[in-house]
């Protein structure tokens, strides 16, 4: 039982390591190709005296039309939203209880007559 579990764990580790190595090789290949392309682009710019466009970072990120492409929220933002939501639920519950207490109070005052 333990031997098969260890073998399975070892096989899983090897599989994950192979995936990681393949991903690293892919990224390195992509980086080299991009360097070659940039070299060719620079050669064309030099040949035709074209200035390279500077990438300007927008100050305020614009929300994309596609909601699937939106910026992912950080854990801090998610925690703050959950806390606000919980606070909203608590406030709703508090208001409901206060309303019920006021109704009971009015009923009691209506039935009580001071002489």
Protein backbone atom coordinates (compact mmCIF):
# COMPACT_ATOMS: atom_id res chain seq x y z
CA UNK A 1 0.00 0.00 0.00
CA UNK A 2 2.72 2.45 1.04
CA UNK A 3 4.98 1.42 -1.82
CA UNK A 4 2.33 2.13 -4.47
CA UNK A 5 1.49 5.46 -2.85
CA UNK A 6 5.17 6.45 -2.86
CA UNK A 7 5.48 5.40 -6.49
CA UNK A 8 2.41 7.43 -7.40
CA UNK A 9 3.74 10.48 -5.54
CA UNK A 10 7.13 10.10 -7.22
CA UNK A 11 5.50 9.72 -10.64
CA UNK A 12 3.39 12.84 -9.99
CA UNK A 13 6.50 14.82 -8.96
CA UNK A 14 8.32 13.67 -12.10
CA UNK A 15 5.33 14.60 -14.26
CA UNK A 16 5.13 18.08 -12.70
CA UNK A 17 8.88 18.55 -13.12
CA UNK A 18 8.66 17.54 -16.79
CA UNK A 19 5.81 20.00 -17.33
CA UNK A 20 7.80 22.77 -15.64
CA UNK A 21 10.90 22.04 -17.74
CA UNK A 22 8.86 21.98 -20.95
CA UNK A 23 7.32 25.33 -20.04
CA UNK A 24 10.78 26.81 -19.36
CA UNK A 25 12.07 25.54 -22.72
CA UNK A 26 9.02 27.00 -24.48
CA UNK A 27 9.52 30.39 -22.80
CA UNK A 28 13.23 30.42 -23.65
CA UNK A 29 12.49 29.56 -27.29
CA UNK A 30 9.90 32.33 -27.45
CA UNK A 31 12.33 34.82 -25.89
CA UNK A 32 15.04 33.94 -28.46
CA UNK A 33 12.60 34.25 -31.38
CA UNK A 34 11.40 37.62 -30.10
CA UNK A 35 15.02 38.83 -29.82
CA UNK A 36 15.63 37.77 -33.45
CA UNK A 37 12.48 39.53 -34.61
CA UNK A 38 13.42 42.68 -32.71
CA UNK A 39 16.84 42.57 -34.39
CA UNK A 40 15.18 42.39 -37.81
CA UNK A 41 12.80 45.19 -36.89
CA UNK A 42 15.70 47.37 -35.75
CA UNK A 43 17.53 46.66 -39.02
CA UNK A 44 14.48 47.84 -40.98
CA UNK A 45 14.18 50.95 -38.77
CA UNK A 46 17.84 51.76 -39.33
CA UNK A 47 17.57 51.19 -43.09
CA UNK A 48 14.57 53.50 -43.51
CA UNK A 49 15.43 55.94 -40.70
CA UNK A 50 12.31 55.12 -38.72
CA UNK A 51 12.23 56.00 -35.06
CA UNK A 52 11.08 53.33 -32.64
CA UNK A 53 7.77 54.11 -30.99
CA UNK A 54 8.05 54.44 -27.24
CA UNK A 55 5.53 52.42 -25.33
CA UNK A 56 3.46 54.77 -23.21
CA UNK A 57 1.84 53.22 -20.18
CA UNK A 58 -1.68 54.56 -19.67
CA UNK A 59 -2.07 56.27 -16.32
CA UNK A 60 -5.51 54.88 -15.65
CA UNK A 61 -6.17 51.34 -16.83
CA UNK A 62 -9.28 51.20 -18.95
CA UNK A 63 -11.81 48.46 -18.37
CA UNK A 64 -12.07 46.18 -21.39
CA UNK A 65 -15.43 45.57 -22.99
CA UNK A 66 -15.07 41.87 -22.39
CA UNK A 67 -15.59 41.07 -18.68
CA UNK A 68 -13.42 37.96 -19.03
CA UNK A 69 -10.43 40.18 -19.79
CA UNK A 70 -10.78 42.37 -16.70
CA UNK A 71 -8.01 42.81 -14.15
CA UNK A 72 -7.95 40.11 -11.50
CA UNK A 73 -8.60 41.26 -7.98
CA UNK A 74 -5.96 40.90 -5.32
CA UNK A 75 -6.65 38.86 -2.18
CA UNK A 76 -6.81 42.14 -0.23
CA UNK A 77 -9.51 43.50 -2.55
CA UNK A 78 -11.47 40.25 -2.30
CA UNK A 79 -11.25 40.31 1.51
CA UNK A 80 -12.41 43.94 1.61
CA UNK A 81 -15.40 43.12 -0.61
CA UNK A 82 -16.32 40.11 1.53
CA UNK A 83 -16.09 42.24 4.67
CA UNK A 84 -18.28 44.92 3.12
CA UNK A 85 -20.79 42.28 2.05
CA UNK A 86 -20.84 40.76 5.53
CA UNK A 87 -21.28 44.22 7.00
CA UNK A 88 -24.19 44.82 4.63
CA UNK A 89 -25.80 41.55 5.73
CA UNK A 90 -25.29 42.50 9.37
CA UNK A 91 -26.79 45.94 8.77
CA UNK A 92 -29.81 44.39 7.03
CA UNK A 93 -30.34 41.98 9.93
CA UNK A 94 -29.99 44.82 12.45
CA UNK A 95 -32.54 46.93 10.59
CA UNK A 96 -34.98 44.01 10.38
CA UNK A 97 -34.70 43.36 14.12
CA UNK A 98 -35.15 47.06 14.93
CA UNK A 99 -38.28 47.18 12.77
CA UNK A 100 -39.74 44.14 14.50
CA UNK A 101 -38.98 45.58 17.95
CA UNK A 102 -40.66 48.87 17.04
CA UNK A 103 -43.76 47.02 15.84
CA UNK A 104 -43.98 44.99 19.06
CA UNK A 105 -43.44 48.16 21.09
CA UNK A 106 -46.32 49.90 19.27
CA UNK A 107 -48.60 46.91 19.85
CA UNK A 108 -47.80 46.88 23.57
CA UNK A 109 -48.30 50.64 23.88
CA UNK A 110 -51.66 50.32 22.08
CA UNK A 111 -52.85 47.65 24.53
CA UNK A 112 -51.56 49.38 27.65
CA UNK A 113 -53.76 52.13 28.97
CA UNK A 114 -52.55 54.39 31.77
CA UNK A 115 -55.24 55.48 34.21
